[in-house]
N, C-alpha and C. Protein backbone atom coordinates (compact mmCIF):
# COMPACT_ATOMS: atom_id res chain seq x y z
N MET A 1 68.70 162.15 -122.96
CA MET A 1 68.37 161.63 -121.64
C MET A 1 69.66 161.27 -120.90
N ARG A 2 69.77 161.74 -119.70
CA ARG A 2 70.94 161.46 -118.87
C ARG A 2 70.49 160.53 -117.75
N ASN A 3 71.06 159.37 -117.72
CA ASN A 3 70.69 158.39 -116.70
C ASN A 3 71.60 158.54 -115.49
N LYS A 4 71.03 158.36 -114.34
CA LYS A 4 71.75 158.46 -113.07
C LYS A 4 71.62 157.13 -112.33
N LEU A 5 72.46 156.94 -111.34
CA LEU A 5 72.36 155.72 -110.54
C LEU A 5 71.02 155.64 -109.82
N THR A 6 70.44 156.79 -109.51
CA THR A 6 69.11 156.76 -108.88
C THR A 6 68.06 156.19 -109.85
N ASP A 7 68.25 156.45 -111.15
CA ASP A 7 67.34 155.88 -112.15
C ASP A 7 67.46 154.35 -112.15
N LEU A 8 68.69 153.87 -112.09
CA LEU A 8 68.91 152.43 -112.04
C LEU A 8 68.26 151.84 -110.79
N ASN A 9 68.45 152.48 -109.67
CA ASN A 9 67.86 152.01 -108.42
C ASN A 9 66.34 151.93 -108.53
N ASN A 10 65.74 152.97 -109.08
CA ASN A 10 64.28 152.97 -109.25
C ASN A 10 63.83 151.85 -110.18
N TYR A 11 64.58 151.66 -111.26
CA TYR A 11 64.22 150.62 -112.21
C TYR A 11 64.32 149.24 -111.58
N LEU A 12 65.34 149.01 -110.77
CA LEU A 12 65.49 147.72 -110.10
C LEU A 12 64.32 147.46 -109.15
N PHE A 13 63.90 148.48 -108.43
CA PHE A 13 62.76 148.30 -107.53
C PHE A 13 61.46 148.09 -108.31
N GLU A 14 61.32 148.75 -109.45
CA GLU A 14 60.14 148.52 -110.29
C GLU A 14 60.11 147.08 -110.77
N GLN A 15 61.27 146.57 -111.16
CA GLN A 15 61.35 145.18 -111.61
C GLN A 15 61.00 144.23 -110.47
N LEU A 16 61.46 144.53 -109.30
CA LEU A 16 61.14 143.72 -108.13
C LEU A 16 59.63 143.70 -107.88
N GLU A 17 58.99 144.84 -108.04
CA GLU A 17 57.54 144.92 -107.87
C GLU A 17 56.82 144.06 -108.92
N ARG A 18 57.32 144.09 -110.17
CA ARG A 18 56.71 143.26 -111.20
C ARG A 18 56.85 141.78 -110.88
N LEU A 19 57.99 141.40 -110.35
CA LEU A 19 58.19 139.99 -109.97
C LEU A 19 57.27 139.58 -108.83
N ASN A 20 56.92 140.51 -108.00
CA ASN A 20 56.09 140.23 -106.82
C ASN A 20 54.59 140.29 -107.11
N ASP A 21 54.23 140.50 -108.36
CA ASP A 21 52.82 140.60 -108.75
C ASP A 21 52.16 139.22 -108.68
N ASP A 22 51.24 139.05 -107.76
CA ASP A 22 50.57 137.76 -107.58
C ASP A 22 49.63 137.41 -108.72
N ASP A 23 49.29 138.37 -109.57
CA ASP A 23 48.36 138.13 -110.67
C ASP A 23 49.04 137.61 -111.93
N LEU A 24 50.36 137.48 -111.91
CA LEU A 24 51.07 137.01 -113.10
C LEU A 24 50.77 135.53 -113.36
N THR A 25 50.58 135.22 -114.62
CA THR A 25 50.46 133.81 -115.00
C THR A 25 51.85 133.19 -114.95
N PRO A 26 51.95 131.88 -114.94
CA PRO A 26 53.28 131.25 -114.96
C PRO A 26 54.13 131.72 -116.15
N GLU A 27 53.50 131.92 -117.29
CA GLU A 27 54.24 132.38 -118.47
C GLU A 27 54.73 133.82 -118.28
N GLU A 28 53.88 134.66 -117.72
CA GLU A 28 54.26 136.06 -117.47
C GLU A 28 55.37 136.13 -116.43
N LEU A 29 55.26 135.28 -115.41
CA LEU A 29 56.29 135.25 -114.38
C LEU A 29 57.63 134.83 -114.98
N GLU A 30 57.62 133.83 -115.83
CA GLU A 30 58.85 133.38 -116.49
C GLU A 30 59.45 134.50 -117.33
N LYS A 31 58.60 135.26 -118.01
CA LYS A 31 59.07 136.40 -118.81
C LYS A 31 59.71 137.44 -117.90
N GLU A 32 59.10 137.73 -116.77
CA GLU A 32 59.65 138.71 -115.83
C GLU A 32 60.95 138.23 -115.22
N ILE A 33 61.06 136.94 -114.99
CA ILE A 33 62.31 136.38 -114.45
C ILE A 33 63.44 136.56 -115.47
N ARG A 34 63.15 136.29 -116.74
CA ARG A 34 64.17 136.49 -117.79
C ARG A 34 64.55 137.97 -117.88
N ARG A 35 63.55 138.83 -117.82
CA ARG A 35 63.81 140.27 -117.86
C ARG A 35 64.65 140.68 -116.65
N SER A 36 64.32 140.17 -115.48
CA SER A 36 65.07 140.49 -114.27
C SER A 36 66.53 140.06 -114.37
N ASN A 37 66.76 138.91 -114.95
CA ASN A 37 68.14 138.44 -115.13
C ASN A 37 68.91 139.39 -116.04
N ALA A 38 68.28 139.85 -117.11
CA ALA A 38 68.94 140.78 -118.02
C ALA A 38 69.19 142.12 -117.34
N VAL A 39 68.19 142.63 -116.62
CA VAL A 39 68.33 143.91 -115.92
C VAL A 39 69.44 143.81 -114.87
N THR A 40 69.50 142.70 -114.17
CA THR A 40 70.53 142.50 -113.15
C THR A 40 71.92 142.54 -113.76
N LYS A 41 72.10 141.85 -114.88
CA LYS A 41 73.41 141.82 -115.53
C LYS A 41 73.82 143.21 -115.99
N ILE A 42 72.92 143.91 -116.65
CA ILE A 42 73.23 145.26 -117.13
C ILE A 42 73.45 146.21 -115.95
N GLY A 43 72.61 146.10 -114.95
CA GLY A 43 72.76 146.94 -113.76
C GLY A 43 74.10 146.76 -113.09
N GLN A 44 74.58 145.51 -113.04
CA GLN A 44 75.88 145.25 -112.41
C GLN A 44 77.01 145.90 -113.20
N VAL A 45 76.91 145.89 -114.51
CA VAL A 45 77.91 146.56 -115.34
C VAL A 45 77.91 148.07 -115.08
N VAL A 46 76.73 148.65 -114.96
CA VAL A 46 76.62 150.09 -114.68
C VAL A 46 77.25 150.40 -113.32
N ILE A 47 76.95 149.58 -112.33
CA ILE A 47 77.49 149.79 -110.99
C ILE A 47 79.01 149.62 -110.99
N ASN A 48 79.52 148.62 -111.69
CA ASN A 48 80.97 148.42 -111.77
C ASN A 48 81.64 149.63 -112.41
N ASN A 49 81.02 150.16 -113.46
CA ASN A 49 81.56 151.35 -114.11
C ASN A 49 81.58 152.54 -113.15
N ALA A 50 80.51 152.71 -112.41
CA ALA A 50 80.46 153.81 -111.43
C ALA A 50 81.54 153.65 -110.37
N ASN A 51 81.79 152.42 -109.96
CA ASN A 51 82.85 152.17 -108.97
C ASN A 51 84.22 152.53 -109.52
N ILE A 52 84.46 152.24 -110.80
CA ILE A 52 85.73 152.61 -111.43
C ILE A 52 85.90 154.12 -111.42
N LEU A 53 84.83 154.83 -111.78
CA LEU A 53 84.89 156.30 -111.78
C LEU A 53 85.13 156.85 -110.37
N LEU A 54 84.49 156.24 -109.39
CA LEU A 54 84.69 156.68 -108.01
C LEU A 54 86.13 156.44 -107.56
N GLU A 55 86.67 155.28 -107.88
CA GLU A 55 88.06 154.99 -107.52
C GLU A 55 89.02 155.95 -108.21
N ALA A 56 88.77 156.25 -109.48
CA ALA A 56 89.62 157.20 -110.20
C ALA A 56 89.58 158.57 -109.52
N LYS A 57 88.39 159.01 -109.14
CA LYS A 57 88.24 160.30 -108.46
C LYS A 57 88.98 160.31 -107.12
N LYS A 58 88.88 159.22 -106.37
CA LYS A 58 89.58 159.13 -105.08
C LYS A 58 91.09 159.23 -105.27
N HIS A 59 91.60 158.52 -106.26
CA HIS A 59 93.04 158.55 -106.51
C HIS A 59 93.50 159.93 -106.98
N LEU A 60 92.70 160.54 -107.82
CA LEU A 60 93.04 161.90 -108.26
C LEU A 60 93.09 162.86 -107.09
N ASP A 61 92.07 162.79 -106.25
CA ASP A 61 92.02 163.68 -105.09
C ASP A 61 93.20 163.43 -104.15
N ALA A 62 93.58 162.17 -104.00
CA ALA A 62 94.65 161.83 -103.07
C ALA A 62 96.03 162.18 -103.61
N PHE A 63 96.21 162.10 -104.93
CA PHE A 63 97.56 162.22 -105.45
C PHE A 63 97.84 163.49 -106.24
N SER A 64 96.87 164.02 -106.96
CA SER A 64 97.24 165.20 -107.74
C SER A 64 96.08 166.16 -107.98
N GLY A 65 94.91 165.65 -108.27
CA GLY A 65 93.80 166.50 -108.62
C GLY A 65 93.84 166.97 -110.06
N ASP A 66 94.85 166.55 -110.81
CA ASP A 66 95.01 166.98 -112.20
C ASP A 66 94.22 166.06 -113.12
N THR A 67 93.04 166.51 -113.54
CA THR A 67 92.19 165.67 -114.39
C THR A 67 92.69 165.57 -115.82
N SER A 68 93.66 166.37 -116.21
CA SER A 68 94.16 166.31 -117.59
C SER A 68 94.91 165.01 -117.86
N VAL A 69 95.31 164.30 -116.82
CA VAL A 69 96.05 163.05 -117.00
C VAL A 69 95.12 161.86 -117.21
N LEU A 70 93.84 162.07 -117.06
CA LEU A 70 92.88 160.97 -117.21
C LEU A 70 92.41 160.82 -118.65
N PRO A 71 92.17 159.58 -119.08
CA PRO A 71 91.49 159.41 -120.36
C PRO A 71 90.06 159.97 -120.24
N ASP A 72 89.48 160.39 -121.36
CA ASP A 72 88.15 161.01 -121.33
C ASP A 72 87.10 160.14 -120.65
N ILE A 73 87.15 158.84 -120.82
CA ILE A 73 86.14 157.95 -120.25
C ILE A 73 86.11 158.04 -118.73
N LEU A 74 87.23 158.39 -118.14
CA LEU A 74 87.30 158.46 -116.68
C LEU A 74 87.05 159.86 -116.12
N LYS A 75 86.91 160.84 -117.00
CA LYS A 75 86.64 162.20 -116.53
C LYS A 75 85.20 162.32 -116.10
N LEU A 76 85.00 162.94 -114.96
CA LEU A 76 83.66 163.12 -114.41
C LEU A 76 83.02 164.34 -115.04
N ASP A 77 81.77 164.19 -115.48
CA ASP A 77 81.02 165.30 -116.07
C ASP A 77 80.18 165.90 -114.98
N ASN A 78 80.49 167.10 -114.57
CA ASN A 78 79.79 167.75 -113.45
C ASN A 78 78.59 168.56 -113.91
N LYS A 79 78.10 168.35 -115.12
CA LYS A 79 76.96 169.12 -115.62
C LYS A 79 75.67 168.58 -115.07
């Protein structure tokens, strides 16, 4: 499975919908709030990582375009 930022976006909106469910009991709402906090933290890490990759790509394009100088973690997979 290959996850994309659009998957994260969809998941965040799904979580928002669960939080907005008026039929949740107080216990269920508390569970969803805890889940939302975890999803938010993980989502922010994913977004930060994507920003690092974007910045690396911008610098490569601006200065050399030579991807061989990048560590593997920063190489973009165009598949």
